[in-house]
């Protein structure tokens, strides 16, 4: 998808990245670790790169909806585990209503 491009490549073939690239990689890793699909993450980054505020806000809105859906699903799962006795205490995920 080309979401992060190295600033340079050494003669030995090592890709060199700057601090902004590392932060971008961190954003991608955290977003995907949270269960957000790569195409959604790519839309946010592409809009950011283009300085397209309207598309960036649309992409952020889509990400916020996905995050809310994930929180709701996690809370439902936690409630199920609690009913099954699989967990003594399961804290609900903040920011979502069951």
N, C-alpha and C. Protein backbone atom coordinates (compact mmCIF):
# COMPACT_ATOMS: atom_id res chain seq x y z
N UNK A 1 0.81 -1.19 0.00
CA UNK A 1 0.00 0.00 0.00
C UNK A 1 0.86 1.26 0.00
N UNK A 2 2.11 1.12 0.37
CA UNK A 2 3.01 2.26 0.33
C UNK A 2 2.69 3.34 1.36
N UNK A 3 2.29 2.95 2.55
CA UNK A 3 1.91 3.93 3.56
C UNK A 3 3.12 4.60 4.21
N UNK A 4 4.27 3.94 4.16
CA UNK A 4 5.50 4.53 4.70
C UNK A 4 6.62 4.22 3.72
N UNK A 5 7.29 5.27 3.30
CA UNK A 5 8.41 5.10 2.37
C UNK A 5 9.69 5.53 3.06
N UNK A 6 10.76 4.78 2.88
CA UNK A 6 12.02 5.17 3.52
C UNK A 6 12.54 6.49 2.94
N UNK A 7 13.20 7.26 3.79
CA UNK A 7 13.80 8.53 3.34
C UNK A 7 15.00 8.27 2.45
N UNK A 8 15.65 7.13 2.70
CA UNK A 8 16.83 6.77 1.91
C UNK A 8 17.06 5.27 2.07
N UNK A 9 17.86 4.74 1.17
CA UNK A 9 18.28 3.34 1.25
C UNK A 9 19.80 3.34 1.15
N UNK A 10 20.44 2.69 2.11
CA UNK A 10 21.90 2.67 2.12
C UNK A 10 22.42 1.73 1.04
N UNK A 11 23.72 1.80 0.80
CA UNK A 11 24.36 0.92 -0.18
C UNK A 11 24.19 -0.54 0.21
N UNK A 12 24.07 -0.78 1.51
CA UNK A 12 23.88 -2.15 2.00
C UNK A 12 22.42 -2.58 1.94
N UNK A 13 21.53 -1.68 1.50
CA UNK A 13 20.12 -2.04 1.36
C UNK A 13 19.25 -1.75 2.57
N UNK A 14 19.81 -1.09 3.58
CA UNK A 14 19.01 -0.73 4.75
C UNK A 14 18.12 0.46 4.45
N UNK A 15 16.88 0.37 4.88
CA UNK A 15 15.94 1.48 4.70
C UNK A 15 16.09 2.42 5.89
N UNK A 16 16.19 3.71 5.60
CA UNK A 16 16.35 4.71 6.65
C UNK A 16 15.05 5.50 6.80
N UNK A 17 14.63 5.66 8.05
CA UNK A 17 13.39 6.37 8.35
C UNK A 17 13.69 7.48 9.34
N UNK A 18 12.92 8.58 9.26
CA UNK A 18 13.08 9.66 10.23
C UNK A 18 12.02 9.53 11.32
N UNK A 19 12.03 10.47 12.27
CA UNK A 19 11.11 10.40 13.40
C UNK A 19 9.64 10.43 12.96
N UNK A 20 9.34 11.22 11.94
CA UNK A 20 7.95 11.29 11.45
C UNK A 20 7.52 9.94 10.88
N UNK A 21 8.43 9.26 10.20
CA UNK A 21 8.12 7.94 9.65
C UNK A 21 7.86 6.93 10.77
N UNK A 22 8.68 7.00 11.82
CA UNK A 22 8.51 6.09 12.95
C UNK A 22 7.16 6.34 13.62
N UNK A 23 6.79 7.61 13.77
CA UNK A 23 5.49 7.95 14.37
C UNK A 23 4.35 7.42 13.49
N UNK A 24 4.51 7.53 12.20
CA UNK A 24 3.50 7.01 11.26
C UNK A 24 3.38 5.50 11.39
N UNK A 25 4.50 4.81 11.48
CA UNK A 25 4.49 3.36 11.68
C UNK A 25 3.81 3.00 13.00
N UNK A 26 4.08 3.79 14.04
CA UNK A 26 3.45 3.55 15.34
C UNK A 26 1.93 3.71 15.22
N UNK A 27 1.47 4.74 14.51
CA UNK A 27 0.04 4.96 14.31
C UNK A 27 -0.58 3.75 13.61
N UNK A 28 0.07 3.28 12.56
CA UNK A 28 -0.44 2.13 11.80
C UNK A 28 -0.51 0.90 12.70
N UNK A 29 0.56 0.63 13.45
CA UNK A 29 0.61 -0.55 14.31
C UNK A 29 -0.46 -0.51 15.40
N UNK A 30 -0.62 0.64 16.03
CA UNK A 30 -1.61 0.76 17.10
C UNK A 30 -3.02 0.61 16.54
N UNK A 31 -3.29 1.27 15.42
CA UNK A 31 -4.62 1.18 14.80
C UNK A 31 -4.95 -0.25 14.41
N UNK A 32 -4.00 -0.92 13.79
CA UNK A 32 -4.26 -2.31 13.39
C UNK A 32 -4.35 -3.23 14.60
N UNK A 33 -3.54 -2.96 15.62
CA UNK A 33 -3.62 -3.75 16.85
C UNK A 33 -4.96 -3.59 17.53
N UNK A 34 -5.60 -2.44 17.31
CA UNK A 34 -6.93 -2.19 17.88
C UNK A 34 -8.02 -2.82 17.02
N UNK A 35 -7.62 -3.46 15.92
CA UNK A 35 -8.60 -4.15 15.08
C UNK A 35 -9.12 -3.33 13.92
N UNK A 36 -8.53 -2.18 13.65
CA UNK A 36 -8.98 -1.38 12.52
C UNK A 36 -8.36 -1.92 11.24
N UNK A 37 -9.15 -2.06 10.20
CA UNK A 37 -8.63 -2.60 8.96
C UNK A 37 -7.66 -1.63 8.28
N UNK A 38 -6.66 -2.19 7.65
CA UNK A 38 -5.64 -1.39 6.99
C UNK A 38 -6.22 -0.39 5.98
N UNK A 39 -7.23 -0.76 5.18
CA UNK A 39 -7.79 0.24 4.26
C UNK A 39 -8.34 1.48 4.97
N UNK A 40 -8.94 1.31 6.15
CA UNK A 40 -9.44 2.47 6.90
C UNK A 40 -8.29 3.34 7.39
N UNK A 41 -7.24 2.70 7.87
CA UNK A 41 -6.06 3.42 8.34
C UNK A 41 -5.43 4.16 7.16
N UNK A 42 -5.37 3.50 6.01
CA UNK A 42 -4.79 4.11 4.81
C UNK A 42 -5.57 5.35 4.38
N UNK A 43 -6.90 5.31 4.51
CA UNK A 43 -7.71 6.48 4.14
C UNK A 43 -7.37 7.70 5.01
N UNK A 44 -7.19 7.47 6.30
CA UNK A 44 -6.83 8.58 7.18
C UNK A 44 -5.47 9.15 6.78
N UNK A 45 -4.50 8.28 6.58
CA UNK A 45 -3.15 8.74 6.24
C UNK A 45 -3.10 9.43 4.88
N UNK A 46 -3.82 8.91 3.92
CA UNK A 46 -3.84 9.53 2.59
C UNK A 46 -4.46 10.92 2.65
N UNK A 47 -5.57 11.05 3.37
CA UNK A 47 -6.21 12.36 3.51
C UNK A 47 -5.27 13.32 4.23
N UNK A 48 -4.58 12.84 5.25
CA UNK A 48 -3.63 13.67 5.98
C UNK A 48 -2.51 14.15 5.05
N UNK A 49 -1.97 13.23 4.27
CA UNK A 49 -0.88 13.56 3.34
C UNK A 49 -1.30 14.61 2.33
N UNK A 50 -2.52 14.55 1.90
CA UNK A 50 -3.02 15.48 0.87
C UNK A 50 -3.52 16.79 1.47
N UNK A 51 -3.58 16.84 2.79
CA UNK A 51 -4.10 18.05 3.44
C UNK A 51 -5.58 18.25 3.19
N UNK A 52 -6.28 17.15 2.93
CA UNK A 52 -7.71 17.19 2.61
C UNK A 52 -8.51 17.09 3.91
N UNK A 53 -8.82 18.24 4.49
CA UNK A 53 -9.49 18.28 5.79
C UNK A 53 -10.84 17.58 5.77
N UNK A 54 -11.60 17.74 4.70
CA UNK A 54 -12.93 17.12 4.64
C UNK A 54 -12.83 15.60 4.64
N UNK A 55 -11.96 15.06 3.78
CA UNK A 55 -11.80 13.60 3.75
C UNK A 55 -11.17 13.07 5.03
N UNK A 56 -10.28 13.87 5.63
CA UNK A 56 -9.67 13.46 6.88
C UNK A 56 -10.74 13.33 7.96
N UNK A 57 -11.65 14.28 8.01
CA UNK A 57 -12.72 14.23 9.01
C UNK A 57 -13.66 13.05 8.73
N UNK A 58 -13.95 12.78 7.47
CA UNK A 58 -14.78 11.62 7.12
C UNK A 58 -14.09 10.33 7.56
N UNK A 59 -12.79 10.23 7.31
CA UNK A 59 -12.04 9.04 7.69
C UNK A 59 -11.98 8.91 9.21
N UNK A 60 -11.77 10.02 9.90
CA UNK A 60 -11.76 9.98 11.36
C UNK A 60 -13.11 9.54 11.91
N UNK A 61 -14.18 10.04 11.29
CA UNK A 61 -15.52 9.63 11.71
C UNK A 61 -15.72 8.13 11.54
N UNK A 62 -15.26 7.59 10.43
CA UNK A 62 -15.37 6.15 10.20
C UNK A 62 -14.56 5.38 11.24
N UNK A 63 -13.37 5.87 11.56
CA UNK A 63 -12.55 5.21 12.58
C UNK A 63 -13.22 5.29 13.95
N UNK A 64 -13.81 6.45 14.28
CA UNK A 64 -14.50 6.58 15.57
C UNK A 64 -15.67 5.60 15.66
N UNK A 65 -16.40 5.42 14.55
CA UNK A 65 -17.52 4.46 14.55
C UNK A 65 -17.01 3.03 14.76
N UNK A 66 -15.91 2.70 14.09
CA UNK A 66 -15.35 1.35 14.26
C UNK A 66 -14.88 1.12 15.69
N UNK A 67 -14.25 2.13 16.28
CA UNK A 67 -13.79 2.02 17.66
C UNK A 67 -14.98 1.81 18.58
N UNK A 68 -16.04 2.55 18.37
CA UNK A 68 -17.25 2.41 19.20
C UNK A 68 -17.83 1.00 19.05
N UNK A 69 -17.86 0.50 17.82
CA UNK A 69 -18.36 -0.87 17.58
C UNK A 69 -17.51 -1.89 18.31
N UNK A 70 -16.17 -1.72 18.27
CA UNK A 70 -15.27 -2.66 18.95
C UNK A 70 -15.48 -2.61 20.45
N UNK A 71 -15.65 -1.41 21.01
CA UNK A 71 -15.89 -1.29 22.45
C UNK A 71 -17.17 -1.99 22.83
N UNK A 72 -18.22 -1.78 22.04
CA UNK A 72 -19.50 -2.43 22.32
C UNK A 72 -19.35 -3.95 22.28
N UNK A 73 -18.66 -4.46 21.28
CA UNK A 73 -18.46 -5.91 21.15
C UNK A 73 -17.64 -6.45 22.33
N UNK A 74 -16.62 -5.72 22.75
CA UNK A 74 -15.82 -6.16 23.89
C UNK A 74 -16.65 -6.17 25.17
N UNK A 75 -17.49 -5.18 25.35
CA UNK A 75 -18.36 -5.15 26.53
C UNK A 75 -19.35 -6.31 26.52
N UNK A 76 -19.90 -6.63 25.38
CA UNK A 76 -20.81 -7.77 25.26
C UNK A 76 -20.09 -9.07 25.59
N UNK A 77 -18.86 -9.19 25.10
CA UNK A 77 -18.06 -10.39 25.37
C UNK A 77 -17.73 -10.48 26.86
N UNK A 78 -17.36 -9.35 27.47
CA UNK A 78 -17.05 -9.34 28.90
C UNK A 78 -18.27 -9.75 29.71
N UNK A 79 -19.44 -9.26 29.33
CA UNK A 79 -20.68 -9.62 30.04
C UNK A 79 -20.97 -11.11 29.90
N UNK A 80 -20.74 -11.64 28.72
CA UNK A 80 -20.95 -13.07 28.50
C UNK A 80 -20.00 -13.89 29.36
N UNK A 81 -18.73 -13.51 29.38
CA UNK A 81 -17.76 -14.23 30.22
C UNK A 81 -18.18 -14.19 31.69
N UNK A 82 -18.66 -13.05 32.13
CA UNK A 82 -19.07 -12.91 33.52
C UNK A 82 -20.25 -13.84 33.82
N UNK A 83 -21.24 -13.87 32.90
CA UNK A 83 -22.40 -14.75 33.10
C UNK A 83 -22.00 -16.22 33.11
N UNK A 84 -21.01 -16.56 32.34
CA UNK A 84 -20.55 -17.95 32.27
C UNK A 84 -19.63 -18.31 33.43
N UNK A 85 -19.29 -17.30 34.23
CA UNK A 85 -18.41 -17.57 35.37
C UNK A 85 -16.96 -17.72 34.96
N UNK A 86 -16.64 -17.29 33.76
CA UNK A 86 -15.27 -17.44 33.26
C UNK A 86 -14.35 -16.36 33.79
N UNK A 87 -14.93 -15.35 34.41
CA UNK A 87 -14.10 -14.28 34.96
C UNK A 87 -14.75 -13.75 36.23
N UNK A 88 -13.93 -13.57 37.25
CA UNK A 88 -14.47 -13.03 38.51
C UNK A 88 -14.90 -11.59 38.33
N UNK A 89 -14.03 -10.80 37.77
CA UNK A 89 -14.36 -9.41 37.52
C UNK A 89 -13.84 -9.03 36.14
N UNK A 90 -14.71 -8.50 35.36
CA UNK A 90 -14.34 -8.03 34.03
C UNK A 90 -14.80 -6.59 33.93
N UNK A 91 -13.85 -5.70 33.80
CA UNK A 91 -14.19 -4.28 33.72
C UNK A 91 -14.70 -3.95 32.33
N UNK A 92 -15.77 -3.17 32.26
CA UNK A 92 -16.26 -2.77 30.94
C UNK A 92 -15.27 -1.81 30.28
N UNK A 93 -15.33 -1.75 28.97
CA UNK A 93 -14.48 -0.86 28.20
C UNK A 93 -15.13 0.50 28.23
N UNK A 94 -14.37 1.53 28.60
CA UNK A 94 -14.90 2.88 28.68
C UNK A 94 -15.26 3.41 27.30
N UNK A 95 -16.27 4.25 27.27
CA UNK A 95 -16.64 4.92 26.03
C UNK A 95 -17.63 4.16 25.18
N UNK A 96 -18.18 3.09 25.71
CA UNK A 96 -19.17 2.33 24.94
C UNK A 96 -20.34 1.97 25.85
N UNK A 97 -21.49 2.00 25.28
CA UNK A 97 -22.66 1.55 26.03
C UNK A 97 -23.03 0.16 25.56
N UNK A 98 -23.46 -0.67 26.49
CA UNK A 98 -23.79 -2.06 26.14
C UNK A 98 -25.13 -2.16 25.50
